[in-house]
Amino acid sequence: MRLSAILSHKRYGVKIHKEAKYKTGFEDKIAEFEIFDELPVKTGFSWGEKSKSMAFKWNEFGGEGEDLDENQRDVVRSRITGFLNPIGIKYPGDGIIHMLGIFEGSQDQFQVVDISDLDQDLDETEVKANFVYTYDPNVAIVIRPADCNMSVIYAKNREGQDLVGFIHSSGLSVNAGIPRKAIRHLLEVEDIDIASIRIGITPGISYENYTMAEVGEIRDDETLDADGLKKIQKSKIIESNWRNDHISERVSEGDTERRHVDILGATIMQYIESGLNPNQIEAYDVDTFLSMQERRGFSHRLWEVSKEVGIPAKPGRYMVAVKLDSGKKLADDQKIRNHPKSI
């Protein structure tokens, strides 16, 4: 295996954090990015020894998908409020889009959202996609990653309109080139000024602790087989989306072979190849797998491994949030445009 480049953390000159940079007054609880300090962006992620699971399905109460009673749900709601309110997002109160970053089928799954997409009867409206963004300062977007790197993105189009959103970097989505395609989408569809783009990347699982099958399977919610069941599509590793030593070499020709991949490095590579400069990106090179062992974060992979060895760890999810800050000066001519709801 070509481990030298991987172990030297090839990161293309972007600003890298090896440990959390905490919001003042919320040490060991809320981490943030410096790159958005002067921009109309409210963002951060729950992280540290004082931060608890922000998920209703993955926490110390219900475990894997079990229903919680109302008292337990209130505990989780209180945690979410304690995270969102300090970064300027009201919970409950502000419109919340809950992004489910799941790569399925053959579609890129990009979606622009606004206040009309909200289910007013719910605290959070779920949207399944790999790239979700909004021009609407009345909408906040949240996600609860398992082990995936999430890219918080800010950009401005040539009409002066600001947008924020999330790009999902899982092994499957990076293999499909989603980070590169998301930037291309912004340039070609939204007429974004590339110089305005700023990206902050959250912690994710490391190369050492994550592998992908040479030929894997992808659920396809859009296509049913002859029995009316969701069709399973085959997915092969696309070398061009992992070049520059972000993937281990093949050691056999079997389709079941698993290869280590550097999701963070490949994500940054795709952004740089899309025309971004290193100073437009800030990233946390922090391993969720190890962080859960150190009680600073959560890792679905570690939880799965712990079950396999008979010493189950408590499941959990941290939360990332982003919202336009209408309190900061925006462009005078900013208006929320009418957009197609999905691409």
C-alpha atoms as a PDB file:
ATOM      1  CA  MET A   1       0.000   0.000   0.000  1.00  0.00           C
ATOM      2  CA  ARG A   2       1.109   3.578  -0.701  1.00  0.00           C
ATOM      3  CA  LEU A   3       0.858   4.722   2.894  1.00  0.00           C
ATOM      4  CA  SER A   4       3.474   7.494   2.923  1.00  0.00           C
ATOM      5  CA  ALA A   5       1.262  10.175   1.385  1.00  0.00           C
ATOM      6  CA  ILE A   6      -1.729   9.088   3.438  1.00  0.00           C
ATOM      7  CA  LEU A   7       0.104   9.119   6.735  1.00  0.00           C
ATOM      8  CA  SER A   8       1.615  12.536   5.980  1.00  0.00           C
ATOM      9  CA  HIS A   9      -1.953  13.883   5.645  1.00  0.00           C
ATOM     10  CA  LYS A  10      -1.878  15.405   2.173  1.00  0.00           C
ATOM     11  CA  ARG A  11      -4.195  18.359   2.601  1.00  0.00           C
ATOM     12  CA  TYR A  12      -3.238  20.721  -0.268  1.00  0.00           C
ATOM     13  CA  GLY A  13      -2.268  23.676   1.899  1.00  0.00           C
ATOM     14  CA  VAL A  14      -5.706  24.276   3.441  1.00  0.00           C
ATOM     15  CA  LYS A  15      -6.000  25.375   7.057  1.00  0.00           C
ATOM     16  CA  ILE A  16      -6.189  22.212   9.163  1.00  0.00           C
ATOM     17  CA  HIS A  17      -7.227  21.770  12.791  1.00  0.00           C
ATOM     18  CA  LYS A  18      -6.091  18.691  14.683  1.00  0.00           C
ATOM     19  CA  GLU A  19      -8.298  19.498  17.651  1.00  0.00           C
ATOM     20  CA  ALA A  20     -11.516  21.389  18.213  1.00  0.00           C
ATOM     21  CA  LYS A  21     -11.608  25.181  18.222  1.00  0.00           C
ATOM     22  CA  TYR A  22     -14.369  25.917  20.694  1.00  0.00           C
ATOM     23  CA  LYS A  23     -16.832  28.769  20.851  1.00  0.00           C
ATOM     24  CA  THR A  24     -15.891  31.087  23.711  1.00  0.00           C
ATOM     25  CA  GLY A  25     -17.857  30.133  26.810  1.00  0.00           C
ATOM     26  CA  PHE A  26     -18.802  26.742  25.367  1.00  0.00           C
ATOM     27  CA  GLU A  27     -15.521  24.851  25.664  1.00  0.00           C
ATOM     28  CA  ASP A  28     -15.865  21.070  25.249  1.00  0.00           C
ATOM     29  CA  LYS A  29     -19.386  21.606  23.925  1.00  0.00           C
ATOM     30  CA  ILE A  30     -19.599  23.698  20.711  1.00  0.00           C
ATOM     31  CA  ALA A  31     -16.867  23.861  18.056  1.00  0.00           C
ATOM     32  CA  GLU A  32     -16.713  26.402  15.252  1.00  0.00           C
ATOM     33  CA  PHE A  33     -14.874  27.546  12.123  1.00  0.00           C
ATOM     34  CA  GLU A  34     -12.794  30.697  11.793  1.00  0.00           C
ATOM     35  CA  ILE A  35     -13.390  30.980   8.058  1.00  0.00           C
ATOM     36  CA  PHE A  36     -16.971  32.221   8.536  1.00  0.00           C
ATOM     37  CA  ASP A  37     -16.198  34.876  11.180  1.00  0.00           C
ATOM     38  CA  GLU A  38     -16.755  37.891   8.912  1.00  0.00           C
ATOM     39  CA  LEU A  39     -19.568  36.371   6.866  1.00  0.00           C
ATOM     40  CA  PRO A  40     -23.365  36.362   7.367  1.00  0.00           C
ATOM     41  CA  VAL A  41     -23.284  32.768   8.607  1.00  0.00           C
ATOM     42  CA  LYS A  42     -24.428  31.134  11.839  1.00  0.00           C
ATOM     43  CA  THR A  43     -22.767  27.751  12.177  1.00  0.00           C
ATOM     44  CA  GLY A  44     -21.041  25.304  14.492  1.00  0.00           C
ATOM     45  CA  PHE A  45     -21.056  21.669  15.559  1.00  0.00           C
ATOM     46  CA  SER A  46     -21.635  19.952  18.894  1.00  0.00           C
ATOM     47  CA  TRP A  47     -18.371  18.452  20.093  1.00  0.00           C
ATOM     48  CA  GLY A  48     -16.400  17.692  23.235  1.00  0.00           C
ATOM     49  CA  GLU A  49     -16.693  15.916  26.552  1.00  0.00           C
ATOM     50  CA  LYS A  50     -19.689  18.025  27.612  1.00  0.00           C
ATOM     51  CA  SER A  51     -21.630  17.372  24.420  1.00  0.00           C
ATOM     52  CA  LYS A  52     -24.209  14.569  24.392  1.00  0.00           C
ATOM     53  CA  SER A  53     -25.964  12.750  21.550  1.00  0.00           C
ATOM     54  CA  MET A  54     -28.234  15.045  19.534  1.00  0.00           C
ATOM     55  CA  ALA A  55     -30.162  12.228  17.845  1.00  0.00           C
ATOM     56  CA  PHE A  56     -33.566  10.843  18.742  1.00  0.00           C
ATOM     57  CA  LYS A  57     -32.784   7.380  17.320  1.00  0.00           C
ATOM     58  CA  TRP A  58     -29.107   7.039  18.185  1.00  0.00           C
ATOM     59  CA  ASN A  59     -28.529   7.757  21.865  1.00  0.00           C
ATOM     60  CA  GLU A  60     -28.112   6.171  25.272  1.00  0.00           C
ATOM     61  CA  PHE A  61     -31.898   5.893  25.740  1.00  0.00           C
ATOM     62  CA  GLY A  62     -33.200   4.117  22.681  1.00  0.00           C
ATOM     63  CA  GLY A  63     -30.135   2.678  21.002  1.00  0.00           C
ATOM     64  CA  GLU A  64     -30.725   1.658  17.404  1.00  0.00           C
ATOM     65  CA  GLY A  65     -33.974   3.117  16.171  1.00  0.00           C
ATOM     66  CA  GLU A  66     -36.032   2.445  19.295  1.00  0.00           C
ATOM     67  CA  ASP A  67     -38.875   4.791  20.166  1.00  0.00           C
ATOM     68  CA  LEU A  68     -38.302   7.128  23.095  1.00  0.00           C
ATOM     69  CA  ASP A  69     -40.880   8.146  25.634  1.00  0.00           C
ATOM     70  CA  GLU A  70     -41.775  11.824  25.830  1.00  0.00           C
ATOM     71  CA  ASN A  71     -39.495  12.506  28.812  1.00  0.00           C
ATOM     72  CA  GLN A  72     -36.510  11.064  26.948  1.00  0.00           C
ATOM     73  CA  ARG A  73     -37.375  13.078  23.839  1.00  0.00           C
ATOM     74  CA  ASP A  74     -37.522  16.209  25.980  1.00  0.00           C
ATOM     75  CA  VAL A  75     -33.983  15.490  27.185  1.00  0.00           C
ATOM     76  CA  VAL A  76     -32.757  15.320  23.579  1.00  0.00           C
ATOM     77  CA  ARG A  77     -34.702  18.467  22.664  1.00  0.00           C
ATOM     78  CA  SER A  78     -33.039  20.267  25.566  1.00  0.00           C
ATOM     79  CA  ARG A  79     -29.607  19.242  24.265  1.00  0.00           C
ATOM     80  CA  ILE A  80     -30.456  20.515  20.787  1.00  0.00           C
ATOM     81  CA  THR A  81     -31.667  23.820  22.232  1.00  0.00           C
ATOM     82  CA  GLY A  82     -28.460  24.103  24.259  1.00  0.00           C
ATOM     83  CA  PHE A  83     -26.448  23.712  21.064  1.00  0.00           C
ATOM     84  CA  LEU A  84     -28.468  25.740  18.558  1.00  0.00           C
ATOM     85  CA  ASN A  85     -29.435  28.752  20.669  1.00  0.00           C
ATOM     86  CA  PRO A  86     -25.839  29.834  21.463  1.00  0.00           C
ATOM     87  CA  ILE A  87     -24.975  29.944  17.748  1.00  0.00           C
ATOM     88  CA  GLY A  88     -28.021  32.079  17.030  1.00  0.00           C
ATOM     89  CA  ILE A  89     -30.576  29.489  15.892  1.00  0.00           C
ATOM     90  CA  LYS A  90     -33.861  29.263  17.802  1.00  0.00           C
ATOM     91  CA  TYR A  91     -35.044  25.748  18.651  1.00  0.00           C
ATOM     92  CA  PRO A  92     -37.919  25.415  18.593  1.00  0.00           C
ATOM     93  CA  GLY A  93     -38.850  28.489  16.626  1.00  0.00           C
ATOM     94  CA  ASP A  94     -36.719  28.782  13.514  1.00  0.00           C
ATOM     95  CA  GLY A  95     -37.577  26.612  10.532  1.00  0.00           C
ATOM     96  CA  ILE A  96     -35.323  23.540  10.688  1.00  0.00           C
ATOM     97  CA  ILE A  97     -34.451  21.322   7.729  1.00  0.00           C
ATOM     98  CA  HIS A  98     -32.952  18.022   8.916  1.00  0.00           C
ATOM     99  CA  MET A  99     -30.664  16.800   6.132  1.00  0.00           C
ATOM    100  CA  LEU A 100     -30.319  13.031   5.817  1.00  0.00           C
ATOM    101  CA  GLY A 101     -27.042  12.500   3.999  1.00  0.00           C
ATOM    102  CA  ILE A 102     -27.703   9.126   2.363  1.00  0.00           C
ATOM    103  CA  PHE A 103     -26.278   8.223  -1.035  1.00  0.00           C
ATOM    104  CA  GLU A 104     -28.847   6.167  -2.917  1.00  0.00           C
ATOM    105  CA  GLY A 105     -29.403   5.237  -6.531  1.00  0.00           C
ATOM    106  CA  SER A 106     -27.691   7.032  -9.385  1.00  0.00           C
ATOM    107  CA  GLN A 107     -28.898  10.601  -8.785  1.00  0.00           C
ATOM    108  CA  ASP A 108     -26.658  13.315  -7.364  1.00  0.00           C
ATOM    109  CA  GLN A 109     -29.472  14.354  -5.003  1.00  0.00           C
ATOM    110  CA  PHE A 110     -28.969  18.124  -4.820  1.00  0.00           C
ATOM    111  CA  GLN A 111     -31.773  20.201  -3.329  1.00  0.00           C
ATOM    112  CA  VAL A 112     -32.394  23.896  -2.654  1.00  0.00           C
ATOM    113  CA  VAL A 113     -34.855  24.618   0.146  1.00  0.00           C
ATOM    114  CA  ASP A 114     -36.792  27.562   1.525  1.00  0.00           C
ATOM    115  CA  ILE A 115     -39.503  28.227   4.074  1.00  0.00           C
ATOM    116  CA  SER A 116     -42.184  26.704   1.824  1.00  0.00           C
ATOM    117  CA  ASP A 117     -40.534  23.282   2.240  1.00  0.00           C
ATOM    118  CA  LEU A 118     -41.141  23.207   5.995  1.00  0.00           C
ATOM    119  CA  ASP A 119     -43.741  20.972   7.595  1.00  0.00           C
ATOM    120  CA  GLN A 120     -45.206  23.395  10.125  1.00  0.00           C
ATOM    121  CA  ASP A 121     -46.369  20.504  12.344  1.00  0.00           C
ATOM    122  CA  LEU A 122     -42.810  19.255  12.926  1.00  0.00           C
ATOM    123  CA  ASP A 123     -39.807  20.658  14.796  1.00  0.00           C
ATOM    124  CA  GLU A 124     -37.611  19.377  11.941  1.00  0.00           C
ATOM    125  CA  THR A 125     -38.483  18.650   8.301  1.00  0.00           C
ATOM    126  CA  GLU A 126     -36.425  15.807   6.810  1.00  0.00           C
ATOM    127  CA  VAL A 127     -34.750  16.149   3.410  1.00  0.00           C
ATOM    128  CA  LYS A 128     -32.733  13.288   1.923  1.00  0.00           C
ATOM    129  CA  ALA A 129     -29.878  14.566  -0.269  1.00  0.00           C
ATOM    130  CA  ASN A 130     -26.121  14.880  -0.727  1.00  0.00           C
ATOM    131  CA  PHE A 131     -26.136  18.663  -1.151  1.00  0.00           C
ATOM    132  CA  VAL A 132     -28.742  20.877   0.511  1.00  0.00           C
ATOM    133  CA  TYR A 133     -28.587  24.672   0.420  1.00  0.00           C
ATOM    134  CA  THR A 134     -30.772  27.704   0.946  1.00  0.00           C
ATOM    135  CA  TYR A 135     -30.982  31.408   0.148  1.00  0.00           C
ATOM    136  CA  ASP A 136     -33.635  31.824   2.840  1.00  0.00           C
ATOM    137  CA  PRO A 137     -32.508  33.413   6.154  1.00  0.00           C
ATOM    138  CA  ASN A 138     -35.651  31.976   7.775  1.00  0.00           C
ATOM    139  CA  VAL A 139     -34.384  28.402   7.360  1.00  0.00           C
ATOM    140  CA  ALA A 140     -31.664  26.577   9.302  1.00  0.00           C
ATOM    141  CA  ILE A 141     -30.201  23.284   8.082  1.00  0.00           C
ATOM    142  CA  VAL A 142     -28.956  20.630  10.510  1.00  0.00           C
ATOM    143  CA  ILE A 143     -27.417  17.201  10.064  1.00  0.00           C
ATOM    144  CA  ARG A 144     -26.386  14.437  12.462  1.00  0.00           C
ATOM    145  CA  PRO A 145     -23.354  12.729  10.854  1.00  0.00           C
ATOM    146  CA  ALA A 146     -22.478   9.102  11.494  1.00  0.00           C
ATOM    147  CA  ASP A 147     -18.800   9.253  10.432  1.00  0.00           C
ATOM    148  CA  CYS A 148     -19.004  11.380   7.284  1.00  0.00           C
ATOM    149  CA  ASN A 149     -17.195  14.666   6.786  1.00  0.00           C
ATOM    150  CA  MET A 150     -19.735  17.442   6.295  1.00  0.00           C
ATOM    151  CA  SER A 151     -18.795  20.551   4.329  1.00  0.00           C
ATOM    152  CA  VAL A 152     -20.472  23.712   5.568  1.00  0.00           C
ATOM    153  CA  ILE A 153     -20.557  26.033   2.553  1.00  0.00           C
ATOM    154  CA  TYR A 154     -21.187  29.746   2.048  1.00  0.00           C
ATOM    155  CA  ALA A 155     -21.325  31.413  -1.366  1.00  0.00           C
ATOM    156  CA  LYS A 156     -22.683  34.497  -3.126  1.00  0.00           C
ATOM    157  CA  ASN A 157     -24.139  34.576  -6.620  1.00  0.00           C
ATOM    158  CA  ARG A 158     -23.459  37.322  -9.134  1.00  0.00           C
ATOM    159  CA  GLU A 159     -26.703  39.064  -8.165  1.00  0.00           C
ATOM    160  CA  GLY A 160     -25.353  39.468  -4.629  1.00  0.00           C
ATOM    161  CA  GLN A 161     -27.520  36.783  -3.026  1.00  0.00           C
ATOM    162  CA  ASP A 162     -25.990  34.730  -0.197  1.00  0.00           C
ATOM    163  CA  LEU A 163     -26.508  31.016   0.308  1.00  0.00           C
ATOM    164  CA  VAL A 164     -25.451  28.435   2.872  1.00  0.00           C
ATOM    165  CA  GLY A 165     -25.696  24.660   2.959  1.00  0.00           C
ATOM    166  CA  PHE A 166     -24.104  21.247   3.472  1.00  0.00           C
ATOM    167  CA  ILE A 167     -22.222  18.948   1.103  1.00  0.00           C
ATOM    168  CA  HIS A 168     -22.182  15.313   2.241  1.00  0.00           C
ATOM    169  CA  SER A 169     -18.853  13.439   2.068  1.00  0.00           C
ATOM    170  CA  SER A 170     -19.377   9.746   2.715  1.00  0.00           C
ATOM    171  CA  GLY A 171     -17.257   7.080   1.065  1.00  0.00           C
ATOM    172  CA  LEU A 172     -19.987   6.509  -1.534  1.00  0.00           C
ATOM    173  CA  SER A 173     -20.662  10.184  -2.244  1.00  0.00           C
ATOM    174  CA  VAL A 174     -16.971  11.059  -2.599  1.00  0.00           C
ATOM    175  CA  ASN A 175     -16.555   8.014  -4.849  1.00  0.00           C
ATOM    176  CA  ALA A 176     -19.352   9.473  -7.006  1.00  0.00           C
ATOM    177  CA  GLY A 177     -17.594  12.860  -7.137  1.00  0.00           C
ATOM    178  CA  ILE A 178     -20.266  14.731  -5.167  1.00  0.00           C
ATOM    179  CA  PRO A 179     -17.926  17.444  -3.777  1.00  0.00           C
ATOM    180  CA  ARG A 180     -16.724  18.277  -7.294  1.00  0.00           C
ATOM    181  CA  LYS A 181     -20.237  18.081  -8.764  1.00  0.00           C
ATOM    182  CA  ALA A 182     -21.653  20.339  -6.034  1.00  0.00           C
ATOM    183  CA  ILE A 183     -19.199  23.120  -6.881  1.00  0.00           C
ATOM    184  CA  ARG A 184     -19.915  22.690 -10.587  1.00  0.00           C
ATOM    185  CA  HIS A 185     -23.649  22.894  -9.835  1.00  0.00           C
ATOM    186  CA  LEU A 186     -23.199  26.177  -7.982  1.00  0.00           C
ATOM    187  CA  LEU A 187     -21.163  27.673 -10.812  1.00  0.00           C
ATOM    188  CA  GLU A 188     -23.345  26.477 -13.681  1.00  0.00           C
ATOM    189  CA  VAL A 189     -26.846  26.510 -12.166  1.00  0.00           C
ATOM    190  CA  GLU A 190     -26.692  29.162  -9.443  1.00  0.00           C
ATOM    191  CA  ASP A 191     -24.184  31.496 -11.168  1.00  0.00           C
ATOM    192  CA  ILE A 192     -22.026  31.620  -8.055  1.00  0.00           C
ATOM    193  CA  ASP A 193     -18.919  33.790  -7.952  1.00  0.00           C
ATOM    194  CA  ILE A 194     -16.263  31.144  -7.251  1.00  0.00           C
ATOM    195  CA  ALA A 195     -14.146  33.652  -5.314  1.00  0.00           C
ATOM    196  CA  SER A 196     -16.964  34.024  -2.767  1.00  0.00           C
ATOM    197  CA  ILE A 197     -17.065  30.353  -1.764  1.00  0.00           C
ATOM    198  CA  ARG A 198     -15.945  29.432   1.744  1.00  0.00           C
ATOM    199  CA  ILE A 199     -15.994  25.878   3.098  1.00  0.00           C
ATOM    200  CA  GLY A 200     -15.560  24.437   6.587  1.00  0.00           C
ATOM    201  CA  ILE A 201     -15.227  20.647   6.888  1.00  0.00           C
ATOM    202  CA  THR A 202     -16.222  18.817  10.079  1.00  0.00           C
ATOM    203  CA  PRO A 203     -14.524  15.760  11.652  1.00  0.00           C
ATOM    204  CA  GLY A 204     -14.941  12.387   9.955  1.00  0.00           C
ATOM    205  CA  ILE A 205     -13.568   8.863  10.032  1.00  0.00           C
ATOM    206  CA  SER A 206      -9.892   8.420   9.152  1.00  0.00           C
ATOM    207  CA  TYR A 207      -8.202   6.429   6.407  1.00  0.00           C
ATOM    208  CA  GLU A 208      -6.892   3.965   8.971  1.00  0.00           C
ATOM    209  CA  ASN A 209     -10.358   3.166  10.335  1.00  0.00           C
ATOM    210  CA  TYR A 210     -12.481   3.040   7.165  1.00  0.00           C
ATOM    211  CA  THR A 211     -12.587   0.785   4.110  1.00  0.00           C
ATOM    212  CA  MET A 212     -14.743   0.497   0.981  1.00  0.00           C
ATOM    213  CA  ALA A 213     -15.502  -2.607  -1.037  1.00  0.00           C
ATOM    214  CA  GLU A 214     -14.075  -2.648  -4.564  1.00  0.00           C
ATOM    215  CA  VAL A 215     -17.602  -3.464  -5.727  1.00  0.00           C
ATOM    216  CA  GLY A 216     -20.294  -2.404  -3.293  1.00  0.00           C
ATOM    217  CA  GLU A 217     -24.053  -2.050  -3.204  1.00  0.00           C
ATOM    218  CA  ILE A 218     -26.196   1.091  -3.200  1.00  0.00           C
ATOM    219  CA  ARG A 219     -29.849   1.221  -2.234  1.00  0.00           C
ATOM    220  CA  ASP A 220     -32.054   2.808  -4.862  1.00  0.00           C
ATOM    221  CA  ASP A 221     -35.267   4.319  -3.508  1.00  0.00           C
ATOM    222  CA  GLU A 222     -36.377   5.319  -7.002  1.00  0.00           C
ATOM    223  CA  THR A 223     -36.230   1.940  -8.739  1.00  0.00           C
ATOM    224  CA  LEU A 224     -38.125  -1.210  -7.801  1.00  0.00           C
ATOM    225  CA  ASP A 225     -37.342  -4.719  -8.967  1.00  0.00           C
ATOM    226  CA  ALA A 226     -39.853  -7.242 -10.356  1.00  0.00           C
ATOM    227  CA  ASP A 227     -41.001  -8.101  -6.832  1.00  0.00           C
ATOM    228  CA  GLY A 228     -41.669  -4.468  -5.971  1.00  0.00           C
ATOM    229  CA  LEU A 229     -38.623  -4.218  -3.712  1.00  0.00           C
ATOM    230  CA  LYS A 230     -36.021  -1.474  -3.758  1.00  0.00           C
ATOM    231  CA  LYS A 231     -33.426  -2.293  -6.362  1.00  0.00           C
ATOM    232  CA  ILE A 232     -29.824  -2.731  -5.305  1.00  0.00           C
ATOM    233  CA  GLN A 233     -27.289  -1.204  -7.673  1.00  0.00           C
ATOM    234  CA  LYS A 234     -23.653  -2.199  -7.946  1.00  0.00           C
ATOM    235  CA  SER A 235     -21.054   0.473  -7.291  1.00  0.00           C
ATOM    236  CA  LYS A 236     -17.408   0.242  -8.337  1.00  0.00           C
ATOM    237  CA  ILE A 237     -14.588   2.343  -6.946  1.00  0.00           C
ATOM    238  CA  ILE A 238     -13.838   5.231  -9.307  1.00  0.00           C
ATOM    239  CA  GLU A 239     -10.080   5.730  -9.083  1.00  0.00           C
ATOM    240  CA  SER A 240     -10.132   9.283 -10.473  1.00  0.00           C
ATOM    241  CA  ASN A 241     -12.091  10.495  -7.448  1.00  0.00           C
ATOM    242  CA  TRP A 242      -9.409   9.151  -5.077  1.00  0.00           C
ATOM    243  CA  ARG A 243      -6.208   9.962  -6.967  1.00  0.00           C
ATOM    244  CA  ASN A 244      -3.133  11.518  -5.354  1.00  0.00           C
ATOM    245  CA  ASP A 245      -2.776   8.676  -2.863  1.00  0.00           C
ATOM    246  CA  HIS A 246      -6.168   8.928  -1.179  1.00  0.00           C
ATOM    247  CA  ILE A 247      -6.808   5.196  -1.651  1.00  0.00           C
ATOM    248  CA  SER A 248      -4.792   2.054  -0.949  1.00  0.00           C
ATOM    249  CA  GLU A 249      -3.683  -0.112  -3.850  1.00  0.00           C
ATOM    250  CA  ARG A 250      -5.508  -3.275  -4.853  1.00  0.00           C
ATOM    251  CA  VAL A 251      -3.917  -6.460  -3.608  1.00  0.00           C
ATOM    252  CA  SER A 252      -6.256  -8.880  -5.397  1.00  0.00           C
ATOM    253  CA  GLU A 253      -8.786  -8.944  -8.232  1.00  0.00           C
ATOM    254  CA  GLY A 254     -11.735 -10.040  -6.128  1.00  0.00           C
ATOM    255  CA  ASP A 255     -14.844  -7.862  -6.085  1.00  0.00           C
ATOM    256  CA  THR A 256     -15.119  -8.241  -2.312  1.00  0.00           C
ATOM    257  CA  GLU A 257     -11.703  -6.720  -1.626  1.00  0.00           C
ATOM    258  CA  ARG A 258     -11.857  -3.733   0.695  1.00  0.00           C
ATOM    259  CA  ARG A 259      -9.598  -0.698   0.298  1.00  0.00           C
ATOM    260  CA  HIS A 260      -8.740   2.067   2.715  1.00  0.00           C
ATOM    261  CA  VAL A 261      -9.851   5.516   1.535  1.00  0.00           C
ATOM    262  CA  ASP A 262      -8.997   9.003   2.776  1.00  0.00           C
ATOM    263  CA  ILE A 263     -12.378  10.746   2.613  1.00  0.00           C
ATOM    264  CA  LEU A 264     -11.181  14.123   3.894  1.00  0.00           C
ATOM    265  CA  GLY A 265      -8.179  14.260   1.566  1.00  0.00           C
ATOM    266  CA  ALA A 266     -10.217  13.251  -1.480  1.00  0.00           C
ATOM    267  CA  THR A 267     -12.917  15.795  -0.602  1.00  0.00           C
ATOM    268  CA  ILE A 268     -10.372  18.608  -0.444  1.00  0.00           C
ATOM    269  CA  MET A 269      -8.747  17.356  -3.654  1.00  0.00           C
ATOM    270  CA  GLN A 270     -12.068  17.557  -5.512  1.00  0.00           C
ATOM    271  CA  TYR A 271     -12.621  21.118  -4.279  1.00  0.00           C
ATOM    272  CA  ILE A 272      -9.139  22.192  -5.373  1.00  0.00           C
ATOM    273  CA  GLU A 273      -9.610  20.527  -8.764  1.00  0.00           C
ATOM    274  CA  SER A 274     -12.881  22.467  -9.093  1.00  0.00           C
ATOM    275  CA  GLY A 275     -10.974  25.747  -8.946  1.00  0.00           C
ATOM    276  CA  LEU A 276     -11.043  26.658  -5.252  1.00  0.00           C
ATOM    277  CA  ASN A 277      -7.919  28.053  -3.614  1.00  0.00           C
ATOM    278  CA  PRO A 278      -6.633  26.488  -0.377  1.00  0.00           C
ATOM    279  CA  ASN A 279      -7.431  29.683   1.562  1.00  0.00           C
ATOM    280  CA  GLN A 280     -11.125  29.164   0.780  1.00  0.00           C
ATOM    281  CA  ILE A 281     -11.219  25.941   2.816  1.00  0.00           C
ATOM    282  CA  GLU A 282     -10.799  25.125   6.510  1.00  0.00           C
ATOM    283  CA  ALA A 283     -10.972  21.544   7.773  1.00  0.00           C
ATOM    284  CA  TYR A 284     -10.885  19.430  10.900  1.00  0.00           C
ATOM    285  CA  ASP A 285      -8.510  16.500  10.438  1.00  0.00           C
ATOM    286  CA  VAL A 286     -10.048  14.777  13.457  1.00  0.00           C
ATOM    287  CA  ASP A 287     -11.004  11.084  13.477  1.00  0.00           C
ATOM    288  CA  THR A 288     -14.545  10.405  14.706  1.00  0.00           C
ATOM    289  CA  PHE A 289     -13.600   6.775  15.448  1.00  0.00           C
ATOM    290  CA  LEU A 290     -10.862   7.785  17.900  1.00  0.00           C
ATOM    291  CA  SER A 291     -12.840  10.747  19.211  1.00  0.00           C
ATOM    292  CA  MET A 292     -15.645   8.473  20.403  1.00  0.00           C
ATOM    293  CA  GLN A 293     -13.093   6.360  22.260  1.00  0.00           C
ATOM    294  CA  GLU A 294     -11.892   9.562  23.930  1.00  0.00           C
ATOM    295  CA  ARG A 295     -15.510  10.618  24.683  1.00  0.00           C
ATOM    296  CA  ARG A 296     -15.257  13.781  22.582  1.00  0.00           C
ATOM    297  CA  GLY A 297     -17.495  12.759  19.667  1.00  0.00           C
ATOM    298  CA  PHE A 298     -19.553   9.965  18.148  1.00  0.00           C
ATOM    299  CA  SER A 299     -18.811   7.283  15.558  1.00  0.00           C
ATOM    300  CA  HIS A 300     -21.293   4.864  14.014  1.00  0.00           C
ATOM    301  CA  ARG A 301     -18.406   2.676  12.838  1.00  0.00           C
ATOM    302  CA  LEU A 302     -16.982   2.354  16.351  1.00  0.00           C
ATOM    303  CA  TRP A 303     -20.445   1.505  17.645  1.00  0.00           C
ATOM    304  CA  GLU A 304     -20.740  -1.265  15.017  1.00  0.00           C
ATOM    305  CA  VAL A 305     -17.288  -2.639  15.858  1.00  0.00           C
ATOM    306  CA  SER A 306     -18.073  -2.600  19.573  1.00  0.00           C
ATOM    307  CA  LYS A 307     -21.156  -4.765  18.975  1.00  0.00           C
ATOM    308  CA  GLU A 308     -19.093  -7.230  16.932  1.00  0.00           C
ATOM    309  CA  VAL A 309     -16.634  -7.759  19.794  1.00  0.00           C
ATOM    310  CA  GLY A 310     -19.393  -8.030  22.391  1.00  0.00           C
ATOM    311  CA  ILE A 311     -18.634  -4.794  24.238  1.00  0.00           C
ATOM    312  CA  PRO A 312     -21.333  -2.476  22.878  1.00  0.00           C
ATOM    313  CA  ALA A 313     -20.689   1.240  23.190  1.00  0.00           C
ATOM    314  CA  LYS A 314     -23.509   3.739  23.527  1.00  0.00           C
ATOM    315  CA  PRO A 315     -24.610   5.017  20.119  1.00  0.00           C
ATOM    316  CA  GLY A 316     -24.777   8.706  19.381  1.00  0.00           C
ATOM    317  CA  ARG A 317     -24.679  11.494  16.825  1.00  0.00           C
ATOM    318  CA  TYR A 318     -23.234  14.968  16.974  1.00  0.00           C
ATOM    319  CA  MET A 319     -24.985  17.825  15.170  1.00  0.00           C
ATOM    320  CA  VAL A 320     -23.850  20.389  12.608  1.00  0.00           C
ATOM    321  CA  ALA A 321     -25.972  23.456  11.903  1.00  0.00           C
ATOM    322  CA  VAL A 322     -25.912  26.382   9.472  1.00  0.00           C
ATOM    323  CA  LYS A 323     -28.153  29.386   8.861  1.00  0.00           C
ATOM    324  CA  LEU A 324     -27.831  32.712   7.089  1.00  0.00           C
ATOM    325  CA  ASP A 325     -27.367  35.575   9.537  1.00  0.00           C
ATOM    326  CA  SER A 326     -29.835  38.268   8.529  1.00  0.00           C
ATOM    327  CA  GLY A 327     -28.453  40.454  11.320  1.00  0.00           C
ATOM    328  CA  LYS A 328     -25.230  40.938   9.389  1.00  0.00           C
ATOM    329  CA  LYS A 329     -25.310  43.226   6.390  1.00  0.00           C
ATOM    330  CA  LEU A 330     -26.351  41.339   3.270  1.00  0.00           C
ATOM    331  CA  ALA A 331     -26.359  42.660  -0.258  1.00  0.00           C
ATOM    332  CA  ASP A 332     -28.999  45.384  -0.726  1.00  0.00           C
ATOM    333  CA  ASP A 333     -30.587  43.617  -3.649  1.00  0.00           C
ATOM    334  CA  GLN A 334     -30.827  40.219  -1.935  1.00  0.00           C
ATOM    335  CA  LYS A 335     -34.097  38.486  -2.683  1.00  0.00           C
ATOM    336  CA  ILE A 336     -35.035  34.854  -2.312  1.00  0.00           C
ATOM    337  CA  ARG A 337     -35.532  33.562  -5.808  1.00  0.00           C
ATOM    338  CA  ASN A 338     -37.847  30.882  -7.046  1.00  0.00           C
ATOM    339  CA  HIS A 339     -35.857  27.698  -7.652  1.00  0.00           C
ATOM    340  CA  PRO A 340     -36.640  24.224  -8.842  1.00  0.00           C
ATOM    341  CA  LYS A 341     -36.925  22.158  -5.685  1.00  0.00           C
ATOM    342  CA  SER A 342     -34.608  19.375  -6.744  1.00  0.00           C
ATOM    343  CA  ILE A 343     -31.977  18.651  -9.335  1.00  0.00           C
END
